[in-house]
Amino acid sequence: MAESASELRDRLISGTPGWYSPWLHLAIPSTFGLLVLCLGVVKLDNTRPAEWLTIPITFVFANFVEWWAHKYLLHKRSPLAPVLYDQHTPKHHKIYLTETMAIKDVREFRLVLIPAYGVMLIFLATLPVAYAIRRSTGLENVAILYLVTSVGYAVSYEWLHLSYHLDPNGPLGRQSIIRQLSRHHAIHHDPTLMTGWNFNVTMPFADWVLGTIWTDILKTQDPLGKQEVQ
């Protein structure tokens, strides 16, 4: 017999290891990311106006990477990282549906946040690129800004994603920008839409550019959802 969303939630929560701390899961990557940000700012020296363009350029690049990873690693089982799909589509998306997005237990942070070491892995993956920028161009400020923006983006992803799965009537949920972004993400959690629409969790810029934004208005016109855009 197919397992219901509530049964799956109860099973996964009951299987939470005794050592697991939801607040440490949130605090460790956040603290690491903020530490990288602070150290990076301290290392900046005589930054020229053009070098500050590294921040929006890196943000846009990260936004497209987020879109690609969500679409092709989290919703399609890839031999590159099958665990990402296994944790996301059959678990996260089965428990949290469009109109039932809020967590009921803080232990569910484990079902929403990436692993606590995830931000550190992103830092380690970004570090060689930053080093290559510095070595090839001599622009140390650009390398630093690329590194801290990439890590800061990862931390913002975590904070925003968690905020979408908190009580919508809570202090965060009532904020206008969070309501709008949360609705964008909640529509993605419709089983008929999740493989083709609303892949951005932070800002839906790549969704807008690539034509994968689905809204409540469109869904009202076609309750079954549209076919995936290739």
Protein backbone atom coordinates (compact mmCIF):
# COMPACT_ATOMS: atom_id res chain seq x y z
CA MET A 1 0.00 0.00 0.00
CA ALA A 2 1.32 3.45 -0.92
CA GLU A 3 2.58 5.45 2.04
CA SER A 4 0.69 8.69 2.69
CA ALA A 5 2.40 12.03 3.20
CA SER A 6 1.59 12.03 6.91
CA GLU A 7 2.85 8.47 7.33
CA LEU A 8 6.07 9.33 5.52
CA ARG A 9 6.52 12.44 7.67
CA ASP A 10 5.98 10.45 10.88
CA ARG A 11 8.37 7.72 9.76
CA LEU A 12 11.13 10.13 8.83
CA ILE A 13 10.74 12.19 11.99
CA SER A 14 10.73 9.09 14.18
CA GLY A 15 13.93 8.01 12.42
CA THR A 16 15.73 11.23 13.34
CA PRO A 17 19.03 10.36 15.07
CA GLY A 18 19.23 11.23 18.74
CA TRP A 19 22.28 13.42 18.16
CA TYR A 20 20.52 15.59 15.59
CA SER A 21 19.98 19.25 16.56
CA PRO A 22 17.76 21.30 14.23
CA TRP A 23 19.18 24.58 15.50
CA LEU A 24 22.78 23.47 15.02
CA HIS A 25 21.84 22.28 11.53
CA LEU A 26 20.77 25.85 10.79
CA ALA A 27 23.48 27.62 12.79
CA ILE A 28 26.62 25.78 11.61
CA PRO A 29 26.38 26.56 7.86
CA SER A 30 25.01 30.03 8.58
CA THR A 31 27.90 30.83 10.94
CA PHE A 32 30.43 29.42 8.49
CA GLY A 33 28.96 31.47 5.64
CA LEU A 34 28.92 34.68 7.68
CA LEU A 35 32.50 34.04 8.78
CA VAL A 36 33.61 33.68 5.14
CA LEU A 37 31.75 36.90 4.34
CA CYS A 38 33.40 38.83 7.18
CA LEU A 39 36.90 37.54 6.39
CA GLY A 40 36.39 38.35 2.73
CA VAL A 41 35.32 41.92 3.49
CA VAL A 42 38.38 42.38 5.70
CA LYS A 43 40.65 41.17 2.88
CA LEU A 44 39.28 43.64 0.31
CA ASP A 45 41.72 46.41 -0.48
CA ASN A 46 41.11 49.60 -2.50
CA THR A 47 38.19 48.08 -4.37
CA ARG A 48 37.49 49.86 -7.64
CA PRO A 49 33.87 50.59 -8.73
CA ALA A 50 34.03 48.11 -11.64
CA GLU A 51 35.10 45.33 -9.30
CA TRP A 52 31.84 45.60 -7.38
CA LEU A 53 30.08 44.34 -10.52
CA THR A 54 31.40 40.92 -9.48
CA ILE A 55 28.56 40.68 -6.96
CA PRO A 56 25.56 40.96 -9.36
CA ILE A 57 27.36 38.93 -12.04
CA THR A 58 28.08 36.13 -9.58
CA PHE A 59 24.53 36.30 -8.22
CA VAL A 60 23.04 35.86 -11.69
CA PHE A 61 25.42 32.99 -12.44
CA ALA A 62 24.53 31.28 -9.14
CA ASN A 63 20.83 31.78 -9.89
CA PHE A 64 21.17 29.84 -13.15
CA VAL A 65 23.23 27.14 -11.43
CA GLU A 66 20.47 26.83 -8.80
CA TRP A 67 17.87 26.48 -11.57
CA TRP A 68 19.91 23.83 -13.39
CA ALA A 69 20.68 21.80 -10.25
CA HIS A 70 17.06 21.88 -9.11
CA LYS A 71 15.75 20.75 -12.46
CA TYR A 72 18.37 18.17 -13.42
CA LEU A 73 19.70 16.83 -10.10
CA LEU A 74 16.78 17.18 -7.66
CA HIS A 75 13.99 16.13 -10.03
CA LYS A 76 15.86 13.71 -12.29
CA ARG A 77 17.85 10.87 -10.76
CA SER A 78 21.38 11.44 -11.98
CA PRO A 79 24.35 9.08 -11.57
CA LEU A 80 26.34 12.19 -10.58
CA ALA A 81 24.45 12.54 -7.29
CA PRO A 82 21.49 10.15 -6.93
CA VAL A 83 21.14 10.96 -3.22
CA LEU A 84 20.01 14.50 -4.12
CA TYR A 85 17.02 13.14 -6.02
CA ASP A 86 16.30 10.48 -3.39
CA GLN A 87 16.10 13.06 -0.62
CA HIS A 88 14.18 15.63 -2.62
CA THR A 89 11.50 14.30 -4.97
CA PRO A 90 10.19 11.17 -3.18
CA LYS A 91 10.53 12.64 0.32
CA HIS A 92 10.51 16.46 0.46
CA HIS A 93 7.97 16.81 -2.35
CA LYS A 94 5.70 14.07 -1.07
CA ILE A 95 5.44 15.61 2.40
CA TYR A 96 5.14 19.27 1.46
CA LEU A 97 2.43 20.06 -1.07
CA THR A 98 1.30 23.44 -2.40
CA GLU A 99 -1.29 24.13 0.29
CA THR A 100 0.49 22.26 3.12
CA MET A 101 4.01 23.66 3.06
CA ALA A 102 4.59 24.37 6.75
CA ILE A 103 6.67 22.08 8.94
CA LYS A 104 5.04 20.74 12.10
CA ASP A 105 8.16 19.84 14.07
CA VAL A 106 11.58 21.53 14.18
CA ARG A 107 13.14 18.13 13.51
CA GLU A 108 11.81 18.61 9.98
CA PHE A 109 14.68 21.06 9.40
CA ARG A 110 16.43 17.86 8.36
CA LEU A 111 13.90 17.44 5.53
CA VAL A 112 14.15 21.05 4.31
CA LEU A 113 17.75 22.20 4.77
CA ILE A 114 20.69 20.83 2.81
CA PRO A 115 23.19 18.83 4.94
CA ALA A 116 25.04 21.00 7.46
CA TYR A 117 28.30 20.52 5.55
CA GLY A 118 26.69 21.66 2.27
CA VAL A 119 27.74 25.30 2.48
CA MET A 120 31.32 24.23 3.26
CA LEU A 121 31.30 21.98 0.18
CA ILE A 122 30.12 24.91 -1.93
CA PHE A 123 32.95 26.99 -0.47
CA LEU A 124 35.49 24.28 -1.33
CA ALA A 125 34.07 23.96 -4.86
CA THR A 126 34.20 27.73 -5.37
CA LEU A 127 37.68 28.20 -3.91
CA PRO A 128 39.62 26.84 -6.95
CA VAL A 129 37.67 29.16 -9.27
CA ALA A 130 38.45 32.15 -7.06
CA TYR A 131 42.11 31.12 -6.97
CA ALA A 132 42.17 30.79 -10.77
CA ILE A 133 40.68 34.28 -11.13
CA ARG A 134 43.35 35.72 -8.88
CA ARG A 135 46.20 33.85 -10.57
CA SER A 136 45.10 34.59 -14.14
CA THR A 137 44.04 38.22 -13.73
CA GLY A 138 45.73 39.44 -10.59
CA LEU A 139 42.38 40.88 -9.50
CA GLU A 140 42.34 39.73 -5.89
CA ASN A 141 39.28 41.80 -5.01
CA VAL A 142 37.30 40.17 -7.83
CA ALA A 143 38.35 36.71 -6.62
CA ILE A 144 37.29 37.55 -3.05
CA LEU A 145 33.96 39.03 -4.13
CA TYR A 146 33.23 35.99 -6.29
CA LEU A 147 33.96 33.68 -3.37
CA VAL A 148 31.95 35.52 -0.73
CA THR A 149 28.99 36.12 -3.07
CA SER A 150 28.84 32.42 -3.96
CA VAL A 151 28.89 31.38 -0.31
CA GLY A 152 26.46 34.14 0.65
CA TYR A 153 24.09 32.95 -2.07
CA ALA A 154 24.15 29.43 -0.63
CA VAL A 155 23.32 30.74 2.85
CA SER A 156 20.50 32.90 1.48
CA TYR A 157 19.11 29.83 -0.31
CA GLU A 158 18.96 27.99 3.02
CA TRP A 159 17.34 30.85 4.91
CA LEU A 160 14.77 31.57 2.23
CA HIS A 161 13.87 27.93 1.64
CA LEU A 162 13.34 27.38 5.35
CA SER A 163 11.20 30.52 5.59
CA TYR A 164 8.84 29.14 2.92
CA HIS A 165 8.26 26.06 5.08
CA LEU A 166 7.50 27.94 8.30
CA ASP A 167 4.09 29.11 9.54
CA PRO A 168 2.76 31.53 6.86
CA ASN A 169 1.12 33.55 9.65
CA GLY A 170 4.36 33.87 11.61
CA PRO A 171 6.66 36.92 11.73
CA LEU A 172 8.54 35.87 8.57
CA GLY A 173 5.57 34.47 6.68
CA ARG A 174 3.67 37.75 6.94
CA GLN A 175 6.41 39.73 5.19
CA SER A 176 5.33 40.76 1.68
CA ILE A 177 8.49 39.62 -0.12
CA ILE A 178 8.48 36.27 1.69
CA ARG A 179 4.78 35.77 0.85
CA GLN A 180 5.48 36.32 -2.84
CA LEU A 181 8.57 34.13 -2.99
CA SER A 182 6.89 31.48 -0.85
CA ARG A 183 3.94 31.29 -3.23
CA HIS A 184 6.30 30.90 -6.19
CA HIS A 185 7.93 27.96 -4.41
CA ALA A 186 4.62 26.50 -3.19
CA ILE A 187 3.35 26.29 -6.76
CA HIS A 188 6.48 24.29 -7.60
CA HIS A 189 5.32 21.79 -4.95
CA ASP A 190 2.21 20.96 -6.99
CA PRO A 191 2.94 17.39 -8.20
CA THR A 192 1.65 18.26 -11.69
CA LEU A 193 4.06 21.19 -12.00
CA MET A 194 7.19 20.30 -10.02
CA THR A 195 9.23 18.83 -12.90
CA GLY A 196 8.73 21.76 -15.25
CA TRP A 197 8.10 24.99 -13.36
CA ASN A 198 9.35 27.42 -10.68
CA PHE A 199 12.78 25.94 -10.05
CA ASN A 200 14.31 29.00 -8.42
CA VAL A 201 14.08 29.04 -4.64
CA THR A 202 15.84 32.37 -4.08
CA MET A 203 14.88 34.95 -6.71
CA PRO A 204 13.01 33.62 -9.79
CA PHE A 205 15.31 35.37 -12.28
CA ALA A 206 16.41 32.26 -14.19
CA ASP A 207 12.80 31.05 -14.18
CA TRP A 208 11.80 34.34 -15.80
CA VAL A 209 14.59 34.27 -18.40
CA LEU A 210 14.03 30.61 -19.30
CA GLY A 211 10.23 30.83 -19.32
CA THR A 212 9.55 28.43 -16.46
CA ILE A 213 7.44 30.67 -14.23
CA TRP A 214 3.98 29.29 -13.43
CA THR A 215 1.51 31.47 -11.52
CA ASP A 216 -1.79 31.04 -9.75
CA ILE A 217 -3.49 32.80 -12.68
CA LEU A 218 -2.15 30.28 -15.17
CA LYS A 219 -3.02 27.39 -12.90
CA THR A 220 -6.61 28.62 -12.64
CA GLN A 221 -6.83 28.53 -16.42
CA ASP A 222 -5.42 24.99 -16.59
CA PRO A 223 -5.87 23.10 -13.32
CA LEU A 224 -3.96 20.07 -14.57
CA GLY A 225 -0.85 22.11 -15.27
CA LYS A 226 1.12 22.48 -18.46
CA GLN A 227 3.57 20.10 -20.04
CA GLU A 228 7.19 20.54 -19.18
CA VAL A 229 9.13 23.00 -21.30
CA GLN A 230 12.14 21.34 -22.93
